[in-house]
Every structure is written in structure tokens, then in C-alpha cells.
Amino acid sequence: MKSTAICDKINRMDNTVGRLQSLFPSYQFDLIIGSLLGDARLECRSKGKRYPISARLRIHQSEKQKEYVFWKYAQLKNLVLEGLRRTKVWHDAKRNRDHYSWYFHTKTLEELGALYHYFYKDTVKIFPHDLFDYLTPRSIAIWFMDDGSNTVESYTFNTHCFSVDSQIRIIQFFKKKYGIIGKLVKDRSKYKIAIGMREYQKFNQIIEPFIIPSMIYKICNPRNDLIRRTSDQISQASLAV
């Protein structure tokens, strides 16, 4: 990674994310952005009073998504000090069954500290206003693998944590950029984004090349050749610039 002096300079610039792009390979940058829009979180480790602002990225998924966590770990391995960990999250007394999850976190980095201030406001995750400039098909695919659902009748993004205004901007982005029509749907007391069946083909064309085998179930009518692709082939596609 770059020197502290460079990172301090980055933190003073308005175009934080644009500058950070040059500090990570594109496949890692897309993974970080897509994951932060989904289930991942940044943990601020230094507030900047005595030391430079820094943070670490934490990836945490259920046992069901074990292969997905392992795939992310492989992409970010050079940023990780400790390996993957398995932890018990709860015990189902009725069925006498333990439930587990897998997680890892990256090193604590000043670069991720800059991203923390971009993605969080008063410790709450937000959708940055200019993030659309950095959303690639790969980052959208990772976002969908993290937070997307397939109800057969629609694809949904679990965007409950973002404001309604942010979700409307996301819908507008998909329409303007890809011609995909989405809408807000109410989910209890909050809202999330839904993409109807008529838009499946257009949306699949964007994300399908980056969907890993264990997550194919999230999209409808995947290509047969995609099903036969091995994890190594998927990794090669993800690493492609």
C-alpha cells in the first residue's frame, strides 16, 4: 500500500473514492465497494486524534454462504493477517442444533479509514451521493450476491438501511445507465428496491459473468455454461481488469 503521506493527502481531497481506486487492484476495489453496499462493514480503529484515521473491512456470512466467504477471502488475501474463522451464532434448542457463520477482516488501513468517512455518517452506513461514478458491473454483482434475493416474481435488493431518497437515486441510476426499470416496495415499515421479471434478462447480462457458482441460485435462467464453470474460472473472470 502507499505511504502515510499519500494517504493523508487522499483524505484531504474531495474525490476520495476516485483517488482510492489507484491504491487497490480493480477487482479488489469493486469487491470492497460491492460488499459495503451489502453485508460488509468498516470498523473504524483510529479516530485520528493521535494517529491517522484507519479502519478494517469485516466480511461475515452464514454457514450457507461459506463458499462465498472463501471466495472473498481469496480475492482479499493479501490484505488479511489472520485467516477465516468459524463461529457459533446461536443454538436452536427446539432442534438441538448449533448454527454457525464464517468471517474474516482485513488489516487496519488508512485507505479504509478514508472509505469509512465516505460510507458512514455518525457511525451509520449511507449511500454516498457520487458513488454511481464507481459502480461497475462487477461491484453491482457483488452487491447483489450480498444483499439480493430472487422471489421468482422479482429480484430485490435489501436496501432497507438506505434512505428512501437514496433508493430512488439508485432506481434512477439503473434506468439511465442500463435501461432497467425498478421500483420501491414496502417491506414492513421500510422500503427496498425490486426489479420485475421483464427486466431479468437485462439485469442478468450485467451481473451474470461475475456470479460465482455457489450463488447462481440468486438469478433466474442462468446459462448452462455458467453452471459448468469452475470456481477457478470464476476467479479468473473476477480478476480481469
Protein backbone atom coordinates (compact mmCIF):
# COMPACT_ATOMS: atom_id res chain seq x y z
CA MET A 1 0.00 0.00 0.00
CA LYS A 2 1.05 3.63 -0.39
CA SER A 3 2.81 5.70 2.24
CA THR A 4 1.13 7.53 5.09
CA ALA A 5 1.88 10.86 3.40
CA ILE A 6 -0.06 9.82 0.30
CA CYS A 7 -2.98 8.56 2.39
CA ASP A 8 -3.10 11.84 4.36
CA LYS A 9 -3.20 13.72 1.07
CA ILE A 10 -6.04 11.50 -0.16
CA ASN A 11 -8.07 12.20 2.97
CA ARG A 12 -7.91 15.94 2.23
CA MET A 13 -9.24 15.54 -1.30
CA ASP A 14 -12.89 15.78 -2.23
CA ASN A 15 -12.75 12.90 -4.73
CA THR A 16 -11.87 10.34 -2.05
CA VAL A 17 -13.08 7.20 -3.79
CA GLY A 18 -11.69 8.20 -7.16
CA ARG A 19 -8.25 8.64 -5.60
CA LEU A 20 -8.51 5.36 -3.72
CA GLN A 21 -9.11 3.49 -6.98
CA SER A 22 -5.42 3.80 -7.77
CA LEU A 23 -4.42 2.16 -4.46
CA PHE A 24 -6.26 -1.14 -4.99
CA PRO A 25 -6.41 -3.52 -7.96
CA SER A 26 -9.75 -3.05 -9.74
CA TYR A 27 -11.07 -6.47 -8.69
CA GLN A 28 -10.40 -5.66 -5.02
CA PHE A 29 -11.81 -2.16 -5.26
CA ASP A 30 -15.02 -3.47 -6.85
CA LEU A 31 -15.31 -6.18 -4.20
CA ILE A 32 -14.89 -3.67 -1.38
CA ILE A 33 -17.48 -1.27 -2.83
CA GLY A 34 -20.00 -4.02 -3.62
CA SER A 35 -19.54 -5.60 -0.20
CA LEU A 36 -20.00 -2.30 1.63
CA LEU A 37 -23.28 -1.77 -0.21
CA GLY A 38 -24.24 -5.23 1.05
CA ASP A 39 -23.44 -7.07 4.25
CA ALA A 40 -19.87 -5.96 4.94
CA ARG A 41 -18.92 -3.22 7.34
CA LEU A 42 -15.96 -0.99 8.06
CA GLU A 43 -14.75 -0.88 11.65
CA CYS A 44 -13.05 2.39 12.50
CA ARG A 45 -9.92 1.59 14.52
CA SER A 46 -8.46 5.06 14.98
CA LYS A 47 -10.41 8.32 15.22
CA GLY A 48 -7.44 10.42 14.16
CA LYS A 49 -6.76 12.24 17.43
CA ARG A 50 -3.29 10.78 17.94
CA TYR A 51 -2.91 8.53 14.91
CA PRO A 52 -4.08 8.72 11.28
CA ILE A 53 -7.71 7.68 10.76
CA SER A 54 -7.83 3.97 9.93
CA ALA A 55 -10.35 1.15 9.58
CA ARG A 56 -10.66 -2.52 8.69
CA LEU A 57 -13.16 -4.31 6.47
CA ARG A 58 -15.14 -7.14 8.08
CA ILE A 59 -16.78 -9.85 5.95
CA HIS A 60 -19.28 -12.05 7.81
CA GLN A 61 -21.74 -14.55 6.29
CA SER A 62 -23.81 -17.53 7.42
CA GLU A 63 -22.65 -21.13 7.05
CA LYS A 64 -24.89 -21.37 3.98
CA GLN A 65 -22.67 -18.81 2.23
CA LYS A 66 -19.39 -20.45 3.24
CA GLU A 67 -18.14 -20.76 -0.35
CA TYR A 68 -18.91 -17.10 -0.96
CA VAL A 69 -16.87 -16.05 2.11
CA PHE A 70 -14.00 -18.27 1.00
CA TRP A 71 -14.11 -16.67 -2.46
CA LYS A 72 -13.97 -13.16 -0.99
CA TYR A 73 -11.10 -14.20 1.25
CA ALA A 74 -9.14 -15.45 -1.78
CA GLN A 75 -9.63 -12.07 -3.53
CA LEU A 76 -8.52 -10.05 -0.49
CA LYS A 77 -5.95 -12.44 0.96
CA ASN A 78 -3.01 -10.05 0.64
CA LEU A 79 -4.91 -7.56 2.83
CA VAL A 80 -5.63 -10.11 5.57
CA LEU A 81 -3.36 -11.05 8.50
CA GLU A 82 -5.48 -13.78 10.08
CA GLY A 83 -7.36 -16.47 8.20
CA LEU A 84 -11.03 -17.37 8.03
CA ARG A 85 -12.84 -18.10 11.27
CA ARG A 86 -15.94 -20.12 12.08
CA THR A 87 -18.09 -19.06 15.00
CA LYS A 88 -21.30 -20.25 16.61
CA VAL A 89 -24.02 -17.61 16.33
CA TRP A 90 -26.89 -19.33 18.11
CA HIS A 91 -28.27 -22.63 19.39
CA ASP A 92 -31.65 -23.93 18.24
CA ALA A 93 -32.89 -25.63 21.41
CA LYS A 94 -36.01 -26.98 19.71
CA ARG A 95 -33.96 -28.92 17.15
CA ASN A 96 -30.85 -29.21 19.36
CA ARG A 97 -28.78 -27.71 16.57
CA ASP A 98 -25.98 -25.17 16.56
CA HIS A 99 -25.83 -22.52 13.82
CA TYR A 100 -22.51 -21.19 12.61
CA SER A 101 -21.14 -18.41 10.44
CA TRP A 102 -17.80 -17.57 8.80
CA TYR A 103 -15.92 -14.29 8.92
CA PHE A 104 -12.61 -12.55 8.41
CA HIS A 105 -11.37 -8.98 8.47
CA THR A 106 -8.63 -7.12 6.68
CA LYS A 107 -5.67 -5.32 8.12
CA THR A 108 -6.35 -1.93 9.63
CA LEU A 109 -5.51 0.56 6.88
CA GLU A 110 -5.59 4.33 6.45
CA GLU A 111 -7.05 3.83 2.97
CA LEU A 112 -10.04 2.05 4.51
CA GLY A 113 -10.24 4.86 7.06
CA ALA A 114 -10.84 7.24 4.18
CA LEU A 115 -13.59 4.95 2.90
CA TYR A 116 -15.13 4.85 6.37
CA HIS A 117 -15.74 8.60 6.25
CA TYR A 118 -17.18 8.21 2.78
CA PHE A 119 -19.65 5.42 3.66
CA TYR A 120 -20.60 6.39 7.21
CA LYS A 121 -22.26 9.37 8.81
CA ASP A 122 -22.38 9.43 12.62
CA THR A 123 -21.48 5.69 12.57
CA VAL A 124 -24.48 4.89 10.30
CA LYS A 125 -23.84 3.45 6.82
CA ILE A 126 -25.10 5.67 3.99
CA PHE A 127 -25.21 5.54 0.19
CA PRO A 128 -22.64 8.17 -0.89
CA HIS A 129 -24.08 10.69 -3.33
CA ASP A 130 -21.44 10.27 -6.05
CA LEU A 131 -20.92 6.51 -5.68
CA PHE A 132 -22.61 5.90 -9.05
CA ASP A 133 -19.40 7.04 -10.76
CA TYR A 134 -17.67 3.95 -9.33
CA LEU A 135 -20.36 1.28 -9.68
CA THR A 136 -19.17 -1.31 -12.20
CA PRO A 137 -20.97 -4.48 -13.34
CA ARG A 138 -18.67 -6.46 -11.05
CA SER A 139 -19.41 -4.32 -7.98
CA ILE A 140 -23.15 -4.50 -8.75
CA ALA A 141 -22.89 -8.30 -9.00
CA ILE A 142 -21.14 -8.49 -5.63
CA TRP A 143 -23.76 -6.18 -4.13
CA PHE A 144 -26.49 -8.48 -5.46
CA MET A 145 -24.75 -11.64 -4.21
CA ASP A 146 -24.53 -9.98 -0.79
CA ASP A 147 -27.92 -8.36 -0.50
CA GLY A 148 -30.04 -9.55 -3.40
CA SER A 149 -32.93 -12.01 -3.36
CA ASN A 150 -34.81 -13.90 -6.06
CA THR A 151 -38.51 -14.25 -5.31
CA VAL A 152 -39.16 -15.59 -8.86
CA GLU A 153 -41.60 -12.71 -9.34
CA SER A 154 -38.83 -10.15 -8.81
CA TYR A 155 -35.23 -9.55 -7.88
CA THR A 156 -34.94 -7.45 -4.74
CA PHE A 157 -32.13 -5.52 -3.13
CA ASN A 158 -32.37 -5.37 0.65
CA THR A 159 -31.70 -1.64 0.74
CA HIS A 160 -33.63 -1.02 3.97
CA CYS A 161 -30.65 0.68 5.62
CA PHE A 162 -30.53 3.43 2.97
CA SER A 163 -32.84 6.42 2.90
CA VAL A 164 -35.82 6.48 0.52
CA ASP A 165 -34.16 9.34 -1.35
CA SER A 166 -31.01 7.24 -1.86
CA GLN A 167 -33.08 4.29 -3.07
CA ILE A 168 -34.87 6.50 -5.58
CA ARG A 169 -31.50 7.66 -6.89
CA ILE A 170 -30.40 4.03 -7.24
CA ILE A 171 -33.54 3.25 -9.26
CA GLN A 172 -32.86 6.26 -11.48
CA PHE A 173 -29.27 5.11 -11.98
CA PHE A 174 -30.33 1.66 -13.22
CA LYS A 175 -32.85 3.21 -15.61
CA LYS A 176 -30.46 5.80 -17.03
CA LYS A 177 -27.37 3.57 -17.20
CA TYR A 178 -28.86 0.22 -18.21
CA GLY A 179 -32.48 0.85 -19.17
CA ILE A 180 -33.63 -1.29 -16.24
CA ILE A 181 -36.92 -0.34 -14.57
CA GLY A 182 -37.06 -0.79 -10.82
CA LYS A 183 -39.41 0.34 -8.10
CA LEU A 184 -39.70 0.79 -4.36
CA VAL A 185 -41.68 -1.85 -2.49
CA LYS A 186 -42.71 -1.64 1.12
CA ASP A 187 -41.27 -4.24 3.47
CA ARG A 188 -42.92 -3.85 6.86
CA SER A 189 -42.11 -0.31 7.98
CA LYS A 190 -39.31 0.29 5.44
CA TYR A 191 -38.68 0.07 1.71
CA LYS A 192 -36.45 -1.92 -0.62
CA ILE A 193 -35.78 -1.99 -4.36
CA ALA A 194 -37.44 -4.52 -6.66
CA ILE A 195 -36.70 -5.37 -10.30
CA GLY A 196 -39.56 -7.14 -12.10
CA MET A 197 -39.42 -10.26 -14.27
CA ARG A 198 -39.48 -8.25 -17.51
CA GLU A 199 -36.11 -6.77 -16.55
CA TYR A 200 -34.38 -10.06 -15.66
CA GLN A 201 -32.61 -10.52 -18.97
CA LYS A 202 -31.13 -7.02 -18.97
CA PHE A 203 -30.04 -7.30 -15.35
CA ASN A 204 -28.57 -10.78 -15.84
CA GLN A 205 -26.48 -9.52 -18.76
CA ILE A 206 -24.82 -7.08 -16.35
CA ILE A 207 -24.07 -9.33 -13.40
CA GLU A 208 -24.05 -12.92 -14.71
CA PRO A 209 -20.35 -13.02 -15.76
CA PHE A 210 -19.36 -12.29 -12.16
CA ILE A 211 -21.76 -14.58 -10.29
CA ILE A 212 -19.83 -17.40 -8.60
CA PRO A 213 -21.19 -20.98 -8.82
CA SER A 214 -22.48 -21.15 -5.24
CA MET A 215 -24.60 -18.02 -5.79
CA ILE A 216 -26.19 -18.94 -9.13
CA TYR A 217 -29.47 -19.69 -7.35
CA LYS A 218 -29.97 -15.94 -6.95
CA ILE A 219 -30.60 -15.40 -10.66
CA CYS A 220 -33.20 -16.92 -12.99
CA ASN A 221 -32.38 -19.00 -16.07
CA PRO A 222 -28.58 -18.97 -15.74
CA ARG A 223 -26.67 -20.11 -18.82
CA ASN A 224 -25.73 -23.79 -18.82
CA ASP A 225 -22.10 -22.95 -19.45
CA LEU A 226 -22.13 -20.71 -16.36
CA ILE A 227 -23.30 -23.63 -14.24
CA ARG A 228 -20.37 -25.73 -15.50
CA ARG A 229 -17.77 -23.06 -14.85
CA THR A 230 -15.39 -23.93 -12.04
CA SER A 231 -14.53 -21.69 -9.14
CA ASP A 232 -11.06 -21.12 -10.66
CA GLN A 233 -12.61 -19.85 -13.89
CA ILE A 234 -14.87 -17.51 -11.96
CA SER A 235 -11.86 -16.19 -10.06
CA GLN A 236 -10.07 -15.52 -13.34
CA ALA A 237 -13.09 -13.56 -14.63
CA SER A 238 -13.19 -11.55 -11.42
CA LEU A 239 -9.50 -10.74 -11.62
CA ALA A 240 -9.79 -9.46 -15.18
CA VAL A 241 -9.44 -5.71 -15.43
